[in-house]
Every structure is written in C-alpha cells, then in structure tokens.
PDB file of N, CA and C in Angstrom:
ATOM      1  N   PRO A   1      92.635  79.124 111.046  1.00  0.00           N
ATOM      2  CA  PRO A   1      92.422  77.701 111.284  1.00  0.00           C
ATOM      3  C   PRO A   1      92.868  76.874 110.088  1.00  0.00           C
ATOM      4  N   ARG A   2      93.380  75.767 110.384  1.00  0.00           N
ATOM      5  CA  ARG A   2      93.901  74.891 109.347  1.00  0.00           C
ATOM      6  C   ARG A   2      92.767  74.265 108.537  1.00  0.00           C
ATOM      7  N   ARG A   3      92.959  74.254 107.248  1.00  0.00           N
ATOM      8  CA  ARG A   3      92.023  73.640 106.295  1.00  0.00           C
ATOM      9  C   ARG A   3      90.621  74.241 106.366  1.00  0.00           C
ATOM     10  N   LYS A   4      90.551  75.506 106.688  1.00  0.00           N
ATOM     11  CA  LYS A   4      89.267  76.201 106.693  1.00  0.00           C
ATOM     12  C   LYS A   4      89.414  77.464 105.874  1.00  0.00           C
ATOM     13  N   PHE A   5      88.402  77.767 105.120  1.00  0.00           N
ATOM     14  CA  PHE A   5      88.371  79.009 104.358  1.00  0.00           C
ATOM     15  C   PHE A   5      87.357  79.908 105.037  1.00  0.00           C
ATOM     16  N   LEU A   6      87.837  80.921 105.745  1.00  0.00           N
ATOM     17  CA  LEU A   6      86.941  81.824 106.447  1.00  0.00           C
ATOM     18  C   LEU A   6      86.465  82.912 105.500  1.00  0.00           C
ATOM     19  N   ARG A   7      85.180  83.181 105.535  1.00  0.00           N
ATOM     20  CA  ARG A   7      84.599  84.215 104.682  1.00  0.00           C
ATOM     21  C   ARG A   7      83.927  85.252 105.565  1.00  0.00           C
ATOM     22  N   TYR A   8      84.084  86.485 105.170  1.00  0.00           N
ATOM     23  CA  TYR A   8      83.443  87.594 105.863  1.00  0.00           C
ATOM     24  C   TYR A   8      82.651  88.378 104.831  1.00  0.00           C
ATOM     25  N   PRO A   9      81.509  88.938 105.228  1.00  0.00           N
ATOM     26  CA  PRO A   9      80.749  89.735 104.268  1.00  0.00           C
ATOM     27  C   PRO A   9      81.527  90.983 103.876  1.00  0.00           C
ATOM     28  N   GLY A  10      81.315  91.420 102.668  1.00  0.00           N
ATOM     29  CA  GLY A  10      81.979  92.638 102.224  1.00  0.00           C
ATOM     30  C   GLY A  10      82.349  92.577 100.763  1.00  0.00           C
ATOM     31  N   THR A  11      83.166  93.496 100.365  1.00  0.00           N
ATOM     32  CA  THR A  11      83.599  93.621  98.980  1.00  0.00           C
ATOM     33  C   THR A  11      85.109  93.516  98.921  1.00  0.00           C
ATOM     34  N   ILE A  12      85.603  92.750  97.981  1.00  0.00           N
ATOM     35  CA  ILE A  12      87.044  92.651  97.766  1.00  0.00           C
ATOM     36  C   ILE A  12      87.450  93.764  96.815  1.00  0.00           C
ATOM     37  N   LYS A  13      88.492  94.489  97.181  1.00  0.00           N
ATOM     38  CA  LYS A  13      89.001  95.552  96.312  1.00  0.00           C
ATOM     39  C   LYS A  13      90.406  95.190  95.866  1.00  0.00           C
ATOM     40  N   ALA A  14      90.694  95.521  94.627  1.00  0.00           N
ATOM     41  CA  ALA A  14      92.035  95.315  94.068  1.00  0.00           C
ATOM     42  C   ALA A  14      92.428  96.590  93.345  1.00  0.00           C
ATOM     43  N   ARG A  15      93.701  96.781  93.198  1.00  0.00           N
ATOM     44  CA  ARG A  15      94.191  97.973  92.512  1.00  0.00           C
ATOM     45  C   ARG A  15      95.265  97.547  91.521  1.00  0.00           C
ATOM     46  N   PHE A  16      95.140  98.031  90.292  1.00  0.00           N
ATOM     47  CA  PHE A  16      96.164  97.793  89.275  1.00  0.00           C
ATOM     48  C   PHE A  16      97.120  98.972  89.312  1.00  0.00           C
ATOM     49  N   LEU A  17      98.375  98.691  89.533  1.00  0.00           N
ATOM     50  CA  LEU A  17      99.382  99.741  89.629  1.00  0.00           C
ATOM     51  C   LEU A  17      99.970 100.033  88.260  1.00  0.00           C
ATOM     52  N   PRO A  18     100.559 101.210  88.101  1.00  0.00           N
ATOM     53  CA  PRO A  18     101.192 101.531  86.818  1.00  0.00           C
ATOM     54  C   PRO A  18     102.328 100.547  86.530  1.00  0.00           C
ATOM     55  N   PRO A  19     102.564 100.256  85.257  1.00  0.00           N
ATOM     56  CA  PRO A  19     103.640  99.314  84.931  1.00  0.00           C
ATOM     57  C   PRO A  19     105.009  99.886  85.292  1.00  0.00           C
ATOM     58  N   ILE A  20     105.894  98.991  85.662  1.00  0.00           N
ATOM     59  CA  ILE A  20     107.280  99.378  85.927  1.00  0.00           C
ATOM     60  C   ILE A  20     108.009  99.309  84.594  1.00  0.00           C
ATOM     61  N   PRO A  21     108.710 100.363  84.224  1.00  0.00           N
ATOM     62  CA  PRO A  21     109.352 100.369  82.905  1.00  0.00           C
ATOM     63  C   PRO A  21     110.441  99.297  82.787  1.00  0.00           C
ATOM     64  N   PRO A  22     110.590  98.740  81.596  1.00  0.00           N
ATOM     65  CA  PRO A  22     111.636  97.737  81.389  1.00  0.00           C
ATOM     66  C   PRO A  22     113.022  98.384  81.410  1.00  0.00           C
ATOM     67  N   GLY A  23     114.014  97.553  81.595  1.00  0.00           N
ATOM     68  CA  GLY A  23     115.392  98.013  81.506  1.00  0.00           C
ATOM     69  C   GLY A  23     116.005  98.470  82.814  1.00  0.00           C
ATOM     70  N   LEU A  24     115.268  98.384  83.907  1.00  0.00           N
ATOM     71  CA  LEU A  24     115.832  98.774  85.196  1.00  0.00           C
ATOM     72  C   LEU A  24     116.764  97.676  85.704  1.00  0.00           C
ATOM     73  N   GLY A  25     117.725  98.069  86.494  1.00  0.00           N
ATOM     74  CA  GLY A  25     118.583  97.083  87.141  1.00  0.00           C
ATOM     75  C   GLY A  25     117.779  96.296  88.166  1.00  0.00           C
ATOM     76  N   LYS A  26     118.295  95.130  88.541  1.00  0.00           N
ATOM     77  CA  LYS A  26     117.572  94.253  89.459  1.00  0.00           C
ATOM     78  C   LYS A  26     117.252  94.952  90.784  1.00  0.00           C
ATOM     79  N   GLU A  27     118.229  95.630  91.364  1.00  0.00           N
ATOM     80  CA  GLU A  27     118.005  96.280  92.656  1.00  0.00           C
ATOM     81  C   GLU A  27     116.996  97.418  92.549  1.00  0.00           C
ATOM     82  N   GLU A  28     117.109  98.219  91.507  1.00  0.00           N
ATOM     83  CA  GLU A  28     116.166  99.324  91.317  1.00  0.00           C
ATOM     84  C   GLU A  28     114.764  98.791  91.045  1.00  0.00           C
ATOM     85  N   PHE A  29     114.671  97.734  90.231  1.00  0.00           N
ATOM     86  CA  PHE A  29     113.377  97.124  89.938  1.00  0.00           C
ATOM     87  C   PHE A  29     112.720  96.627  91.222  1.00  0.00           C
ATOM     88  N   MET A  30     113.473  95.870  92.031  1.00  0.00           N
ATOM     89  CA  MET A  30     112.910  95.311  93.259  1.00  0.00           C
ATOM     90  C   MET A  30     112.519  96.414  94.246  1.00  0.00           C
ATOM     91  N   ALA A  31     113.350  97.447  94.361  1.00  0.00           N
ATOM     92  CA  ALA A  31     113.029  98.546  95.270  1.00  0.00           C
ATOM     93  C   ALA A  31     111.734  99.230  94.842  1.00  0.00           C
ATOM     94  N   ARG A  32     111.591  99.435  93.554  1.00  0.00           N
ATOM     95  CA  ARG A  32     110.382 100.091  93.044  1.00  0.00           C
ATOM     96  C   ARG A  32     109.163  99.185  93.209  1.00  0.00           C
ATOM     97  N   LEU A  33     109.318  97.906  92.909  1.00  0.00           N
ATOM     98  CA  LEU A  33     108.224  96.949  93.054  1.00  0.00           C
ATOM     99  C   LEU A  33     107.741  96.903  94.498  1.00  0.00           C
ATOM    100  N   ILE A  34     108.662  96.758  95.425  1.00  0.00           N
ATOM    101  CA  ILE A  34     108.295  96.672  96.836  1.00  0.00           C
ATOM    102  C   ILE A  34     107.701  97.990  97.321  1.00  0.00           C
ATOM    103  N   GLY A  35     108.323  99.098  96.974  1.00  0.00           N
ATOM    104  CA  GLY A  35     107.827 100.398  97.428  1.00  0.00           C
ATOM    105  C   GLY A  35     106.423 100.701  96.950  1.00  0.00           C
ATOM    106  N   GLU A  36     106.173 100.491  95.663  1.00  0.00           N
ATOM    107  CA  GLU A  36     104.845 100.792  95.111  1.00  0.00           C
ATOM    108  C   GLU A  36     103.787  99.821  95.626  1.00  0.00           C
ATOM    109  N   THR A  37     104.158  98.548  95.762  1.00  0.00           N
ATOM    110  CA  THR A  37     103.206  97.557  96.257  1.00  0.00           C
ATOM    111  C   THR A  37     102.848  97.833  97.713  1.00  0.00           C
ATOM    112  N   GLU A  38     103.847  98.104  98.538  1.00  0.00           N
ATOM    113  CA  GLU A  38     103.589  98.384  99.954  1.00  0.00           C
ATOM    114  C   GLU A  38     102.749  99.648 100.130  1.00  0.00           C
ATOM    115  N   ALA A  39     103.032 100.686  99.360  1.00  0.00           N
ATOM    116  CA  ALA A  39     102.255 101.926  99.459  1.00  0.00           C
ATOM    117  C   ALA A  39     100.792 101.684  99.083  1.00  0.00           C
ATOM    118  N   ALA A  40     100.558 100.915  98.024  1.00  0.00           N
ATOM    119  CA  ALA A  40      99.187 100.614  97.602  1.00  0.00           C
ATOM    120  C   ALA A  40      98.477  99.751  98.646  1.00  0.00           C
ATOM    121  N   CYS A  41      99.187  98.789  99.221  1.00  0.00           N
ATOM    122  CA  CYS A  41      98.596  97.945 100.265  1.00  0.00           C
ATOM    123  C   CYS A  41      98.228  98.780 101.488  1.00  0.00           C
ATOM    124  N   ASP A  42      99.097  99.724 101.848  1.00  0.00           N
ATOM    125  CA  ASP A  42      98.799 100.601 102.980  1.00  0.00           C
ATOM    126  C   ASP A  42      97.533 101.411 102.720  1.00  0.00           C
ATOM    127  N   GLN A  43      97.379 101.931 101.503  1.00  0.00           N
ATOM    128  CA  GLN A  43      96.179 102.705 101.162  1.00  0.00           C
ATOM    129  C   GLN A  43      94.925 101.843 101.274  1.00  0.00           C
ATOM    130  N   LEU A  44      94.989 100.618 100.758  1.00  0.00           N
ATOM    131  CA  LEU A  44      93.833  99.723 100.832  1.00  0.00           C
ATOM    132  C   LEU A  44      93.516  99.355 102.277  1.00  0.00           C
ATOM    133  N   LEU A  45      94.540  99.162 103.091  1.00  0.00           N
ATOM    134  CA  LEU A  45      94.337  98.829 104.498  1.00  0.00           C
ATOM    135  C   LEU A  45      93.644  99.974 105.229  1.00  0.00           C
ATOM    136  N   VAL A  46      94.091 101.187 105.002  1.00  0.00           N
ATOM    137  CA  VAL A  46      93.463 102.353 105.639  1.00  0.00           C
ATOM    138  C   VAL A  46      92.017 102.493 105.170  1.00  0.00           C
ATOM    139  N   GLU A  47      91.769 102.331 103.874  1.00  0.00           N
ATOM    140  CA  GLU A  47      90.397 102.406 103.346  1.00  0.00           C
ATOM    141  C   GLU A  47      89.510 101.359 103.997  1.00  0.00           C
ATOM    142  N   ALA A  48      90.014 100.139 104.115  1.00  0.00           N
ATOM    143  CA  ALA A  48      89.223  99.057 104.706  1.00  0.00           C
ATOM    144  C   ALA A  48      88.912  99.341 106.171  1.00  0.00           C
ATOM    145  N   SER A  49      89.876  99.893 106.894  1.00  0.00           N
ATOM    146  CA  SER A  49      89.658 100.164 108.321  1.00  0.00           C
ATOM    147  C   SER A  49      88.649 101.280 108.540  1.00  0.00           C
ATOM    148  N   ARG A  50      88.485 102.158 107.553  1.00  0.00           N
ATOM    149  CA  ARG A  50      87.553 103.282 107.672  1.00  0.00           C
ATOM    150  C   ARG A  50      86.191 102.997 107.048  1.00  0.00           C
ATOM    151  N   ALA A  51      85.993 101.796 106.558  1.00  0.00           N
ATOM    152  CA  ALA A  51      84.721 101.421 105.938  1.00  0.00           C
ATOM    153  C   ALA A  51      83.621 101.401 107.002  1.00  0.00           C
ATOM    154  N   PRO A  52      82.362 101.540 106.589  1.00  0.00           N
ATOM    155  CA  PRO A  52      81.257 101.515 107.551  1.00  0.00           C
ATOM    156  C   PRO A  52      81.206 100.218 108.365  1.00  0.00           C
ATOM    157  N   ASN A  53      81.576  99.113 107.753  1.00  0.00           N
ATOM    158  CA  ASN A  53      81.592  97.821 108.437  1.00  0.00           C
ATOM    159  C   ASN A  53      82.975  97.206 108.224  1.00  0.00           C
ATOM    160  N   PRO A  54      83.993  97.667 108.975  1.00  0.00           N
ATOM    161  CA  PRO A  54      85.359  97.209 108.711  1.00  0.00           C
ATOM    162  C   PRO A  54      85.528  95.722 109.002  1.00  0.00           C
ATOM    163  N   PRO A  55      86.400  95.064 108.257  1.00  0.00           N
ATOM    164  CA  PRO A  55      86.633  93.639 108.484  1.00  0.00           C
ATOM    165  C   PRO A  55      87.400  93.417 109.784  1.00  0.00           C
ATOM    166  N   ALA A  56      87.358  92.186 110.263  1.00  0.00           N
ATOM    167  CA  ALA A  56      88.184  91.813 111.412  1.00  0.00           C
ATOM    168  C   ALA A  56      89.636  91.887 110.963  1.00  0.00           C
ATOM    169  N   LEU A  57      90.455  92.602 111.711  1.00  0.00           N
ATOM    170  CA  LEU A  57      91.844  92.795 111.312  1.00  0.00           C
ATOM    171  C   LEU A  57      92.767  91.942 112.162  1.00  0.00           C
ATOM    172  N   PRO A  58      93.706  91.252 111.522  1.00  0.00           N
ATOM    173  CA  PRO A  58      94.712  90.533 112.307  1.00  0.00           C
ATOM    174  C   PRO A  58      95.591  91.533 113.053  1.00  0.00           C
ATOM    175  N   THR A  59      96.283  91.069 114.061  1.00  0.00           N
ATOM    176  CA  THR A  59      97.112  91.968 114.865  1.00  0.00           C
ATOM    177  C   THR A  59      98.177  92.662 114.028  1.00  0.00           C
ATOM    178  N   THR A  60      98.682  91.994 113.008  1.00  0.00           N
ATOM    179  CA  THR A  60      99.704  92.620 112.158  1.00  0.00           C
ATOM    180  C   THR A  60      99.132  93.807 111.390  1.00  0.00           C
ATOM    181  N   ALA A  61      97.880  93.701 110.945  1.00  0.00           N
ATOM    182  CA  ALA A  61      97.246  94.809 110.222  1.00  0.00           C
ATOM    183  C   ALA A  61      96.966  95.972 111.168  1.00  0.00           C
ATOM    184  N   ALA A  62      96.499  95.676 112.375  1.00  0.00           N
ATOM    185  CA  ALA A  62      96.242  96.734 113.354  1.00  0.00           C
ATOM    186  C   ALA A  62      97.545  97.442 113.719  1.00  0.00           C
ATOM    187  N   LYS A  63      98.617  96.684 113.845  1.00  0.00           N
ATOM    188  CA  LYS A  63      99.925  97.274 114.154  1.00  0.00           C
ATOM    189  C   LYS A  63     100.369  98.203 113.027  1.00  0.00           C
ATOM    190  N   ARG A  64     100.184  97.763 111.779  1.00  0.00           N
ATOM    191  CA  ARG A  64     100.585  98.588 110.637  1.00  0.00           C
ATOM    192  C   ARG A  64      99.769  99.877 110.592  1.00  0.00           C
ATOM    193  N   LEU A  65      98.482  99.801 110.894  1.00  0.00           N
ATOM    194  CA  LEU A  65      97.653 101.008 110.920  1.00  0.00           C
ATOM    195  C   LEU A  65      98.162 101.996 111.967  1.00  0.00           C
ATOM    196  N   ARG A  66      98.562 101.486 113.125  1.00  0.00           N
ATOM    197  CA  ARG A  66      99.116 102.371 114.154  1.00  0.00           C
ATOM    198  C   ARG A  66     100.419 103.002 113.672  1.00  0.00           C
ATOM    199  N   GLU A  67     101.250 102.227 112.974  1.00  0.00           N
ATOM    200  CA  GLU A  67     102.500 102.764 112.424  1.00  0.00           C
ATOM    201  C   GLU A  67     102.225 103.881 111.419  1.00  0.00           C
ATOM    202  N   LEU A  68     101.152 103.731 110.664  1.00  0.00           N
ATOM    203  CA  LEU A  68     100.782 104.730 109.663  1.00  0.00           C
ATOM    204  C   LEU A  68     100.082 105.934 110.288  1.00  0.00           C
ATOM    205  N   GLY A  69      99.725 105.817 111.552  1.00  0.00           N
ATOM    206  CA  GLY A  69      99.024 106.907 112.221  1.00  0.00           C
ATOM    207  C   GLY A  69      97.543 106.920 111.934  1.00  0.00           C
ATOM    208  N   ALA A  70      97.024 105.831 111.385  1.00  0.00           N
ATOM    209  CA  ALA A  70      95.598 105.747 111.069  1.00  0.00           C
ATOM    210  C   ALA A  70      94.853 105.227 112.290  1.00  0.00           C
ATOM    211  N   LYS A  71      93.627 105.690 112.451  1.00  0.00           N
ATOM    212  CA  LYS A  71      92.804 105.226 113.555  1.00  0.00           C
ATOM    213  C   LYS A  71      91.891 104.126 113.061  1.00  0.00           C
ATOM    214  N   LEU A  72      91.683 103.144 113.925  1.00  0.00           N
ATOM    215  CA  LEU A  72      90.757 102.069 113.602  1.00  0.00           C
ATOM    216  C   LEU A  72      89.348 102.548 113.895  1.00  0.00           C
ATOM    217  N   ASP A  73      88.492 102.543 112.900  1.00  0.00           N
ATOM    218  CA  ASP A  73      87.105 102.950 113.100  1.00  0.00           C
ATOM    219  C   ASP A  73      86.278 101.729 113.471  1.00  0.00           C
ATOM    220  N   GLY A  74      85.518 101.851 114.522  1.00  0.00           N
ATOM    221  CA  GLY A  74      84.601 100.791 114.887  1.00  0.00           C
ATOM    222  C   GLY A  74      85.236  99.637 115.626  1.00  0.00           C
ATOM    223  N   SER A  75      86.513  99.703 115.975  1.00  0.00           N
ATOM    224  CA  SER A  75      87.130  98.626 116.739  1.00  0.00           C
ATOM    225  C   SER A  75      88.227  99.202 117.614  1.00  0.00           C
ATOM    226  N   ALA A  76      88.586  98.455 118.631  1.00  0.00           N
ATOM    227  CA  ALA A  76      89.634  98.914 119.544  1.00  0.00           C
ATOM    228  C   ALA A  76      90.993  98.766 118.901  1.00  0.00           C
ATOM    229  N   ALA A  77      91.869  99.697 119.174  1.00  0.00           N
ATOM    230  CA  ALA A  77      93.211  99.648 118.603  1.00  0.00           C
ATOM    231  C   ALA A  77      94.179  98.997 119.536  1.00  0.00           C
TER     232      ALA A  77
END
C-alpha cells in the first residue's frame, strides 16, 4: 500500500558477507557481488519460510522458494 509502513511481528536477520578482494575487473566484481548476494538472500529466504511463524511472503518470494525446491512451511505454495 502506498504511504504505509507495514509491520509484522518477528525478528529481522542480516548477514555480513566476506569482503570481495580489491583489484578485480568490473565484470568479475559484479558477477561475484551478484552471485554471493543472491545466494545469501536465498538462504535467508529459506530460513524465514521454515521458521515456526513464517512471515507473509509475496508471490515473488514464494515463486523463488519453489525454484529452489524449498517447501513453504505453514502456508500454501
């Protein structure tokens, strides 16, 4: 919804990834940045979906879980 900040009960989790070494070419840097970030996001998404009280997931998140082969716990897929 526009101009609304929706809040859901729960805990926010963040992950600090290992630093990317300096001196990489632009394409290699971007490929590594995107690959590592997407992999970490996928792990957090799977963890969140398997939590005892999983958050409401947008359709894009549910679709990504199906692509990863993860099952949605506590909600319809």
